[in-house]
Structure formats: C-alpha cells, structure tokens
Amino acid sequence: MKFNDSPLDYLAAFAIAFASGALSAVGMFQYITSLKSKWPTHDKRMPPL
C-alpha cells in the first residue's frame, strides 16, 4: 500500500506538536512561578535544610 502524504500534512503535524510543546512550557513556567509566590521563603527563624 502506497501512502501519498503531502508536505502540508507533515507541516501541520509539526505545527501541532510545536504549539502543544510551547503551550505546556508556558503553563509549567506559570505554575512554578505561582508556587514560588505562594510558598514562604526561608528566613532567619528557619534554618536551611
């Protein structure tokens, strides 16, 4: 069986994969930023681990 995939099919697949990767990277960055702002930082009363 012969497949005749056009280059646009490959471009569309790459665009979908790239967009989902970029979206997950932005989401992970925002999640880590929100965690850093919610959790207290270490101060003089609490010794570092």
N, C-alpha and C. Protein backbone atom coordinates (compact mmCIF):
# COMPACT_ATOMS: atom_id res chain seq x y z
N MET A 1 0.85 -1.16 0.00
CA MET A 1 0.00 0.00 0.00
C MET A 1 0.90 1.23 0.00
N LYS A 2 0.59 2.16 -0.87
CA LYS A 2 1.41 3.35 -1.04
C LYS A 2 0.71 4.54 -0.39
N PHE A 3 1.47 5.29 0.41
CA PHE A 3 0.92 6.48 1.04
C PHE A 3 1.42 7.72 0.30
N ASN A 4 0.50 8.61 0.02
CA ASN A 4 0.85 9.86 -0.65
C ASN A 4 0.56 11.02 0.29
N ASP A 5 1.40 11.15 1.31
CA ASP A 5 1.24 12.26 2.25
C ASP A 5 1.84 13.52 1.64
N SER A 6 1.11 14.57 1.72
CA SER A 6 1.62 15.83 1.19
C SER A 6 2.53 16.49 2.22
N PRO A 7 3.39 17.38 1.78
CA PRO A 7 4.25 18.10 2.74
C PRO A 7 3.43 18.93 3.73
N LEU A 8 2.25 19.35 3.34
CA LEU A 8 1.41 20.12 4.24
C LEU A 8 0.94 19.29 5.43
N ASP A 9 0.77 17.98 5.21
CA ASP A 9 0.41 17.10 6.33
C ASP A 9 1.53 17.07 7.38
N TYR A 10 2.77 16.98 6.90
CA TYR A 10 3.89 16.98 7.82
C TYR A 10 4.04 18.34 8.51
N LEU A 11 3.82 19.41 7.77
CA LEU A 11 3.89 20.73 8.35
C LEU A 11 2.80 20.94 9.40
N ALA A 12 1.61 20.45 9.14
CA ALA A 12 0.52 20.56 10.11
C ALA A 12 0.83 19.75 11.37
N ALA A 13 1.37 18.56 11.20
CA ALA A 13 1.72 17.73 12.36
C ALA A 13 2.82 18.40 13.19
N PHE A 14 3.80 18.99 12.51
CA PHE A 14 4.87 19.69 13.22
C PHE A 14 4.31 20.91 13.95
N ALA A 15 3.42 21.65 13.31
CA ALA A 15 2.85 22.85 13.93
C ALA A 15 2.05 22.49 15.18
N ILE A 16 1.30 21.41 15.12
CA ILE A 16 0.51 20.97 16.27
C ILE A 16 1.43 20.55 17.42
N ALA A 17 2.47 19.79 17.09
CA ALA A 17 3.41 19.34 18.12
C ALA A 17 4.17 20.51 18.72
N PHE A 18 4.58 21.46 17.89
CA PHE A 18 5.31 22.63 18.38
C PHE A 18 4.42 23.48 19.27
N ALA A 19 3.17 23.71 18.85
CA ALA A 19 2.26 24.53 19.64
C ALA A 19 1.95 23.88 20.98
N SER A 20 1.76 22.57 20.99
CA SER A 20 1.47 21.91 22.26
C SER A 20 2.69 21.93 23.18
N GLY A 21 3.88 21.81 22.65
CA GLY A 21 5.08 21.90 23.47
C GLY A 21 5.27 23.30 24.03
N ALA A 22 5.03 24.31 23.20
CA ALA A 22 5.17 25.68 23.68
C ALA A 22 4.12 25.99 24.74
N LEU A 23 2.91 25.52 24.53
CA LEU A 23 1.84 25.76 25.50
C LEU A 23 2.14 25.07 26.82
N SER A 24 2.66 23.86 26.78
CA SER A 24 2.97 23.17 28.03
C SER A 24 4.16 23.83 28.74
N ALA A 25 5.12 24.37 27.99
CA ALA A 25 6.25 25.07 28.61
C ALA A 25 5.77 26.35 29.30
N VAL A 26 4.89 27.09 28.66
CA VAL A 26 4.36 28.31 29.26
C VAL A 26 3.54 27.97 30.50
N GLY A 27 2.73 26.93 30.42
CA GLY A 27 1.94 26.51 31.57
C GLY A 27 2.80 26.07 32.74
N MET A 28 3.87 25.34 32.46
CA MET A 28 4.77 24.90 33.51
C MET A 28 5.48 26.09 34.15
N PHE A 29 5.89 27.07 33.35
CA PHE A 29 6.54 28.26 33.87
C PHE A 29 5.59 29.03 34.78
N GLN A 30 4.35 29.18 34.36
CA GLN A 30 3.37 29.89 35.19
C GLN A 30 3.08 29.13 36.48
N TYR A 31 3.02 27.81 36.41
CA TYR A 31 2.76 27.00 37.60
C TYR A 31 3.91 27.13 38.60
N ILE A 32 5.14 27.06 38.12
CA ILE A 32 6.28 27.18 39.02
C ILE A 32 6.34 28.57 39.61
N THR A 33 6.04 29.59 38.82
CA THR A 33 6.02 30.96 39.32
C THR A 33 4.97 31.13 40.41
N SER A 34 3.79 30.53 40.21
CA SER A 34 2.75 30.65 41.23
C SER A 34 3.13 29.90 42.50
N LEU A 35 3.80 28.76 42.36
CA LEU A 35 4.25 28.04 43.55
C LEU A 35 5.29 28.84 44.33
N LYS A 36 6.20 29.47 43.61
CA LYS A 36 7.23 30.27 44.28
C LYS A 36 6.63 31.45 45.02
N SER A 37 5.57 32.03 44.49
CA SER A 37 4.98 33.18 45.16
C SER A 37 4.10 32.76 46.34
N LYS A 38 3.56 31.56 46.33
CA LYS A 38 2.68 31.10 47.41
C LYS A 38 3.47 30.57 48.60
N TRP A 39 4.57 29.87 48.36
CA TRP A 39 5.32 29.23 49.44
C TRP A 39 6.23 30.25 50.09
N PRO A 40 6.32 30.21 51.41
CA PRO A 40 7.20 31.16 52.09
C PRO A 40 8.67 30.84 51.81
N THR A 41 9.45 31.89 51.74
CA THR A 41 10.88 31.67 51.56
C THR A 41 11.54 31.46 52.92
N HIS A 42 12.71 31.04 52.91
CA HIS A 42 13.40 30.75 54.15
C HIS A 42 13.85 32.06 54.80
N ASP A 43 13.67 32.16 56.07
CA ASP A 43 14.10 33.35 56.80
C ASP A 43 15.03 32.94 57.94
N LYS A 44 15.37 33.87 58.80
CA LYS A 44 16.35 33.59 59.85
C LYS A 44 15.83 32.66 60.92
N ARG A 45 14.53 32.55 61.06
CA ARG A 45 13.97 31.66 62.10
C ARG A 45 14.02 30.21 61.67
N MET A 46 14.02 29.97 60.37
CA MET A 46 14.02 28.60 59.86
C MET A 46 15.40 28.29 59.25
N PRO A 47 16.13 27.36 59.83
CA PRO A 47 17.44 27.03 59.24
C PRO A 47 17.26 26.30 57.90
N PRO A 48 18.18 26.47 56.98
CA PRO A 48 18.06 25.78 55.69
C PRO A 48 18.19 24.28 55.87
N LEU A 49 17.59 23.53 54.98
CA LEU A 49 17.67 22.06 55.06
C LEU A 49 18.92 21.55 54.45
